[in-house]
Amino acid sequence: MIAKGKSISHGTAALEYDLAKEINGEAAATEIHRHELFGCTGEEMVQEMKPYFVDFPNVKNNCLRFEVSPSVEESAGMTDADWAKLGNDFMQRMGLMNHQYVIVKHSGTEK
């Protein structure tokens, strides 16, 4: 499994992209799980996070974005529940379970 993360300043754009991902005109994104977020769009979800940004006005990259990619063999046959468990286990190991987050799975590959 490979995981990479980055702090970003464009949380709304990243979430909108992640939630609307399409490949060849077909939806490729599935929201798997969310924690303490209730908005319907990326913009609404980031608005819910903003009260926490106030405590750190000098922090420009105030969102974390992670990509977790198990191998083809590891992910073969995984259900959405398995993906949710993988995402939540990752968040637990990173010490981020008490934070707001959304887990989005992208299926397929671009050619």
N, C-alpha and C. Protein backbone atom coordinates (compact mmCIF):
# COMPACT_ATOMS: atom_id res chain seq x y z
N MET A 1 0.84 -1.17 0.00
CA MET A 1 0.00 0.00 0.00
C MET A 1 0.89 1.23 0.00
N ILE A 2 0.43 2.24 -0.69
CA ILE A 2 1.12 3.52 -0.76
C ILE A 2 0.17 4.60 -0.25
N ALA A 3 0.70 5.51 0.56
CA ALA A 3 -0.09 6.65 1.01
C ALA A 3 0.77 7.90 0.86
N LYS A 4 0.15 8.97 0.40
CA LYS A 4 0.87 10.24 0.35
C LYS A 4 -0.08 11.33 0.82
N GLY A 5 0.49 12.32 1.47
CA GLY A 5 -0.32 13.40 1.99
C GLY A 5 0.34 14.74 1.75
N LYS A 6 -0.48 15.76 1.81
CA LYS A 6 0.00 17.11 1.56
C LYS A 6 -0.93 18.10 2.25
N SER A 7 -0.36 19.17 2.79
CA SER A 7 -1.21 20.25 3.29
C SER A 7 -1.51 21.16 2.12
N ILE A 8 -2.77 21.57 2.01
CA ILE A 8 -3.21 22.36 0.85
C ILE A 8 -4.01 23.58 1.31
N SER A 9 -4.04 24.59 0.47
CA SER A 9 -4.82 25.80 0.76
C SER A 9 -6.14 25.79 0.01
N HIS A 10 -6.29 24.89 -0.94
CA HIS A 10 -7.46 24.87 -1.81
C HIS A 10 -8.41 23.72 -1.46
N GLY A 11 -8.83 23.67 -0.20
CA GLY A 11 -9.69 22.58 0.27
C GLY A 11 -11.00 22.47 -0.49
N THR A 12 -11.63 23.60 -0.78
CA THR A 12 -12.91 23.56 -1.50
C THR A 12 -12.72 22.97 -2.88
N ALA A 13 -11.74 23.46 -3.63
CA ALA A 13 -11.50 22.96 -4.99
C ALA A 13 -11.15 21.48 -4.96
N ALA A 14 -10.34 21.06 -4.00
CA ALA A 14 -9.94 19.65 -3.91
C ALA A 14 -11.14 18.76 -3.64
N LEU A 15 -11.99 19.17 -2.69
CA LEU A 15 -13.17 18.37 -2.38
C LEU A 15 -14.15 18.33 -3.54
N GLU A 16 -14.36 19.47 -4.18
CA GLU A 16 -15.27 19.50 -5.34
C GLU A 16 -14.76 18.56 -6.43
N TYR A 17 -13.46 18.59 -6.69
CA TYR A 17 -12.86 17.71 -7.69
C TYR A 17 -13.03 16.25 -7.27
N ASP A 18 -12.68 15.95 -6.02
CA ASP A 18 -12.75 14.57 -5.54
C ASP A 18 -14.17 14.01 -5.62
N LEU A 19 -15.15 14.82 -5.28
CA LEU A 19 -16.54 14.34 -5.26
C LEU A 19 -17.16 14.23 -6.65
N ALA A 20 -16.62 14.98 -7.62
CA ALA A 20 -17.22 15.01 -8.95
C ALA A 20 -16.39 14.28 -10.01
N LYS A 21 -15.36 13.58 -9.59
CA LYS A 21 -14.44 12.92 -10.54
C LYS A 21 -15.18 12.06 -11.55
N GLU A 22 -14.85 12.25 -12.82
CA GLU A 22 -15.42 11.45 -13.91
C GLU A 22 -14.29 10.94 -14.79
N ILE A 23 -14.47 9.76 -15.35
CA ILE A 23 -13.54 9.20 -16.32
C ILE A 23 -14.37 8.80 -17.53
N ASN A 24 -14.03 9.36 -18.67
CA ASN A 24 -14.77 9.09 -19.91
C ASN A 24 -16.27 9.35 -19.74
N GLY A 25 -16.61 10.42 -19.03
CA GLY A 25 -18.01 10.80 -18.84
C GLY A 25 -18.77 9.99 -17.81
N GLU A 26 -18.10 9.05 -17.16
CA GLU A 26 -18.74 8.21 -16.14
C GLU A 26 -18.26 8.63 -14.75
N ALA A 27 -19.19 8.65 -13.80
CA ALA A 27 -18.82 8.98 -12.42
C ALA A 27 -17.78 7.97 -11.92
N ALA A 28 -16.70 8.48 -11.36
CA ALA A 28 -15.63 7.62 -10.86
C ALA A 28 -15.42 7.81 -9.36
N ALA A 29 -16.22 8.68 -8.74
CA ALA A 29 -16.06 8.99 -7.33
C ALA A 29 -17.24 8.46 -6.52
N THR A 30 -16.92 7.85 -5.40
CA THR A 30 -17.94 7.38 -4.46
C THR A 30 -17.57 7.88 -3.08
N GLU A 31 -18.46 8.63 -2.46
CA GLU A 31 -18.21 9.02 -1.07
C GLU A 31 -18.43 7.79 -0.21
N ILE A 32 -17.41 7.43 0.54
CA ILE A 32 -17.43 6.21 1.34
C ILE A 32 -17.82 6.49 2.79
N HIS A 33 -17.32 7.58 3.34
CA HIS A 33 -17.56 7.87 4.76
C HIS A 33 -17.26 9.34 5.01
N ARG A 34 -17.92 9.91 5.99
CA ARG A 34 -17.56 11.25 6.44
C ARG A 34 -17.68 11.30 7.96
N HIS A 35 -16.92 12.21 8.54
CA HIS A 35 -16.91 12.36 9.99
C HIS A 35 -17.10 13.83 10.34
N GLU A 36 -18.19 14.12 11.03
CA GLU A 36 -18.48 15.47 11.53
C GLU A 36 -18.62 16.52 10.42
N LEU A 37 -19.04 16.09 9.24
CA LEU A 37 -19.34 17.01 8.14
C LEU A 37 -20.72 16.67 7.62
N PHE A 38 -21.51 17.71 7.34
CA PHE A 38 -22.90 17.49 6.95
C PHE A 38 -23.29 18.15 5.64
N GLY A 39 -22.43 19.00 5.09
CA GLY A 39 -22.73 19.69 3.84
C GLY A 39 -22.86 18.74 2.66
N CYS A 40 -23.52 19.22 1.62
CA CYS A 40 -23.73 18.40 0.42
C CYS A 40 -22.62 18.60 -0.61
N THR A 41 -21.91 19.70 -0.54
CA THR A 41 -20.86 20.01 -1.52
C THR A 41 -19.54 20.22 -0.79
N GLY A 42 -18.46 20.21 -1.56
CA GLY A 42 -17.16 20.50 -0.98
C GLY A 42 -17.12 21.87 -0.34
N GLU A 43 -17.75 22.84 -1.00
CA GLU A 43 -17.78 24.20 -0.46
C GLU A 43 -18.48 24.23 0.90
N GLU A 44 -19.62 23.55 1.00
CA GLU A 44 -20.35 23.53 2.27
C GLU A 44 -19.53 22.83 3.36
N MET A 45 -18.83 21.77 3.00
CA MET A 45 -18.03 21.05 4.00
C MET A 45 -16.87 21.92 4.49
N VAL A 46 -16.20 22.62 3.59
CA VAL A 46 -15.10 23.48 4.00
C VAL A 46 -15.62 24.64 4.85
N GLN A 47 -16.81 25.15 4.56
CA GLN A 47 -17.42 26.19 5.40
C GLN A 47 -17.59 25.69 6.83
N GLU A 48 -17.93 24.41 6.99
CA GLU A 48 -18.08 23.83 8.32
C GLU A 48 -16.74 23.75 9.06
N MET A 49 -15.65 23.68 8.32
CA MET A 49 -14.31 23.59 8.92
C MET A 49 -13.77 24.95 9.34
N LYS A 50 -14.27 26.02 8.72
CA LYS A 50 -13.68 27.35 8.91
C LYS A 50 -13.62 27.84 10.35
N PRO A 51 -14.59 27.51 11.22
CA PRO A 51 -14.43 27.97 12.61
C PRO A 51 -13.13 27.50 13.27
N TYR A 52 -12.60 26.38 12.82
CA TYR A 52 -11.35 25.86 13.38
C TYR A 52 -10.14 26.57 12.79
N PHE A 53 -10.28 27.17 11.62
CA PHE A 53 -9.18 27.88 10.99
C PHE A 53 -8.88 29.18 11.72
N VAL A 54 -9.87 29.76 12.39
CA VAL A 54 -9.73 31.07 13.04
C VAL A 54 -8.62 31.07 14.08
N ASP A 55 -8.42 29.94 14.75
CA ASP A 55 -7.39 29.87 15.78
C ASP A 55 -5.97 29.92 15.21
N PHE A 56 -5.84 29.74 13.91
CA PHE A 56 -4.53 29.69 13.27
C PHE A 56 -4.50 30.59 12.03
N PRO A 57 -4.61 31.92 12.23
CA PRO A 57 -4.74 32.83 11.08
C PRO A 57 -3.52 32.85 10.16
N ASN A 58 -2.36 32.48 10.65
CA ASN A 58 -1.15 32.50 9.82
C ASN A 58 -0.95 31.23 9.01
N VAL A 59 -1.78 30.23 9.23
CA VAL A 59 -1.65 28.97 8.50
C VAL A 59 -2.41 29.10 7.19
N LYS A 60 -1.71 29.03 6.09
CA LYS A 60 -2.34 29.17 4.77
C LYS A 60 -2.82 27.82 4.23
N ASN A 61 -2.03 26.79 4.40
CA ASN A 61 -2.41 25.44 3.94
C ASN A 61 -3.11 24.74 5.10
N ASN A 62 -4.40 25.02 5.24
CA ASN A 62 -5.14 24.60 6.43
C ASN A 62 -5.95 23.32 6.23
N CYS A 63 -5.77 22.64 5.13
CA CYS A 63 -6.44 21.35 4.90
C CYS A 63 -5.39 20.30 4.59
N LEU A 64 -5.64 19.09 5.02
CA LEU A 64 -4.77 17.97 4.68
C LEU A 64 -5.48 17.09 3.67
N ARG A 65 -4.73 16.66 2.67
CA ARG A 65 -5.29 15.77 1.66
C ARG A 65 -4.39 14.54 1.58
N PHE A 66 -5.00 13.37 1.71
CA PHE A 66 -4.26 12.12 1.64
C PHE A 66 -4.80 11.27 0.50
N GLU A 67 -3.91 10.56 -0.15
CA GLU A 67 -4.28 9.54 -1.12
C GLU A 67 -3.73 8.23 -0.59
N VAL A 68 -4.61 7.27 -0.38
CA VAL A 68 -4.21 5.95 0.11
C VAL A 68 -4.52 4.96 -1.00
N SER A 69 -3.49 4.26 -1.46
CA SER A 69 -3.65 3.36 -2.60
C SER A 69 -3.12 1.97 -2.28
N PRO A 70 -4.02 1.05 -1.95
CA PRO A 70 -3.56 -0.33 -1.78
C PRO A 70 -3.20 -0.92 -3.14
N SER A 71 -2.44 -1.99 -3.13
CA SER A 71 -2.08 -2.64 -4.40
C SER A 71 -3.33 -3.24 -5.03
N VAL A 72 -3.23 -3.57 -6.31
CA VAL A 72 -4.34 -4.21 -7.02
C VAL A 72 -4.75 -5.48 -6.29
N GLU A 73 -3.75 -6.24 -5.85
CA GLU A 73 -4.05 -7.50 -5.14
C GLU A 73 -4.76 -7.23 -3.81
N GLU A 74 -4.31 -6.22 -3.08
CA GLU A 74 -4.93 -5.88 -1.80
C GLU A 74 -6.36 -5.40 -1.98
N SER A 75 -6.61 -4.65 -3.04
CA SER A 75 -7.92 -4.03 -3.21
C SER A 75 -8.92 -4.89 -3.98
N ALA A 76 -8.46 -5.97 -4.57
CA ALA A 76 -9.37 -6.85 -5.33
C ALA A 76 -10.48 -7.35 -4.41
N GLY A 77 -11.69 -7.12 -4.80
CA GLY A 77 -12.83 -7.61 -4.03
C GLY A 77 -13.20 -6.76 -2.82
N MET A 78 -12.54 -5.62 -2.63
CA MET A 78 -12.88 -4.78 -1.48
C MET A 78 -14.25 -4.15 -1.68
N THR A 79 -15.07 -4.18 -0.64
CA THR A 79 -16.38 -3.54 -0.66
C THR A 79 -16.23 -2.10 -0.17
N ASP A 80 -17.29 -1.31 -0.31
CA ASP A 80 -17.26 0.05 0.23
C ASP A 80 -17.00 0.04 1.73
N ALA A 81 -17.54 -0.97 2.42
CA ALA A 81 -17.30 -1.08 3.87
C ALA A 81 -15.81 -1.34 4.14
N ASP A 82 -15.17 -2.14 3.30
CA ASP A 82 -13.73 -2.40 3.45
C ASP A 82 -12.94 -1.11 3.22
N TRP A 83 -13.34 -0.33 2.20
CA TRP A 83 -12.66 0.94 1.93
C TRP A 83 -12.85 1.90 3.10
N ALA A 84 -14.06 1.94 3.67
CA ALA A 84 -14.31 2.81 4.83
C ALA A 84 -13.42 2.40 6.00
N LYS A 85 -13.30 1.10 6.22
CA LYS A 85 -12.44 0.60 7.31
C LYS A 85 -10.98 1.00 7.05
N LEU A 86 -10.53 0.83 5.81
CA LEU A 86 -9.16 1.21 5.46
C LEU A 86 -8.94 2.71 5.72
N GLY A 87 -9.88 3.54 5.28
CA GLY A 87 -9.76 4.98 5.48
C GLY A 87 -9.77 5.36 6.94
N ASN A 88 -10.69 4.78 7.70
CA ASN A 88 -10.77 5.09 9.12
C ASN A 88 -9.56 4.57 9.88
N ASP A 89 -9.05 3.39 9.51
CA ASP A 89 -7.83 2.87 10.13
C ASP A 89 -6.65 3.81 9.86
N PHE A 90 -6.58 4.32 8.62
CA PHE A 90 -5.52 5.26 8.26
C PHE A 90 -5.63 6.52 9.12
N MET A 91 -6.83 7.07 9.22
CA MET A 91 -7.03 8.28 10.03
C MET A 91 -6.66 8.03 11.49
N GLN A 92 -7.02 6.86 12.00
CA GLN A 92 -6.67 6.50 13.38
C GLN A 92 -5.16 6.47 13.56
N ARG A 93 -4.46 5.81 12.65
CA ARG A 93 -3.00 5.70 12.76
C ARG A 93 -2.31 7.05 12.61
N MET A 94 -2.93 7.95 11.88
CA MET A 94 -2.36 9.29 11.71
C MET A 94 -2.73 10.22 12.87
N GLY A 95 -3.57 9.74 13.79
CA GLY A 95 -3.99 10.56 14.93
C GLY A 95 -5.00 11.63 14.57
N LEU A 96 -5.82 11.36 13.54
CA LEU A 96 -6.75 12.37 13.04
C LEU A 96 -8.22 12.01 13.22
N MET A 97 -8.52 11.02 14.03
CA MET A 97 -9.91 10.57 14.18
C MET A 97 -10.83 11.62 14.79
N ASN A 98 -10.28 12.58 15.52
CA ASN A 98 -11.12 13.61 16.14
C ASN A 98 -11.30 14.83 15.25
N HIS A 99 -10.88 14.72 14.00
CA HIS A 99 -10.99 15.84 13.06
C HIS A 99 -12.11 15.57 12.06
N GLN A 100 -12.52 16.61 11.38
CA GLN A 100 -13.53 16.47 10.32
C GLN A 100 -12.84 15.91 9.08
N TYR A 101 -13.51 14.95 8.43
CA TYR A 101 -12.94 14.42 7.19
C TYR A 101 -14.00 13.72 6.37
N VAL A 102 -13.67 13.54 5.10
CA VAL A 102 -14.52 12.79 4.18
C VAL A 102 -13.61 11.82 3.43
N ILE A 103 -14.10 10.60 3.22
CA ILE A 103 -13.36 9.59 2.47
C ILE A 103 -14.07 9.39 1.14
N VAL A 104 -13.33 9.60 0.05
CA VAL A 104 -13.87 9.44 -1.30
C VAL A 104 -13.02 8.41 -2.03
N LYS A 105 -13.68 7.44 -2.64
CA LYS A 105 -12.98 6.41 -3.42
C LYS A 105 -13.11 6.76 -4.90
N HIS A 106 -11.99 6.71 -5.60
CA HIS A 106 -12.00 6.88 -7.06
C HIS A 106 -11.80 5.52 -7.70
N SER A 107 -12.66 5.20 -8.65
CA SER A 107 -12.58 3.92 -9.36
C SER A 107 -12.15 4.15 -10.80
N GLY A 108 -11.51 3.17 -11.37
CA GLY A 108 -11.12 3.26 -12.77
C GLY A 108 -9.83 4.01 -12.95
N THR A 109 -9.37 4.06 -14.18
CA THR A 109 -8.15 4.77 -14.50
C THR A 109 -8.37 5.61 -15.75
N GLU A 110 -7.64 6.70 -15.81
CA GLU A 110 -7.70 7.55 -17.00
C GLU A 110 -6.69 7.04 -18.01
N LYS A 111 -7.05 7.15 -19.29
CA LYS A 111 -6.13 6.69 -20.34
C LYS A 111 -5.70 7.84 -21.18
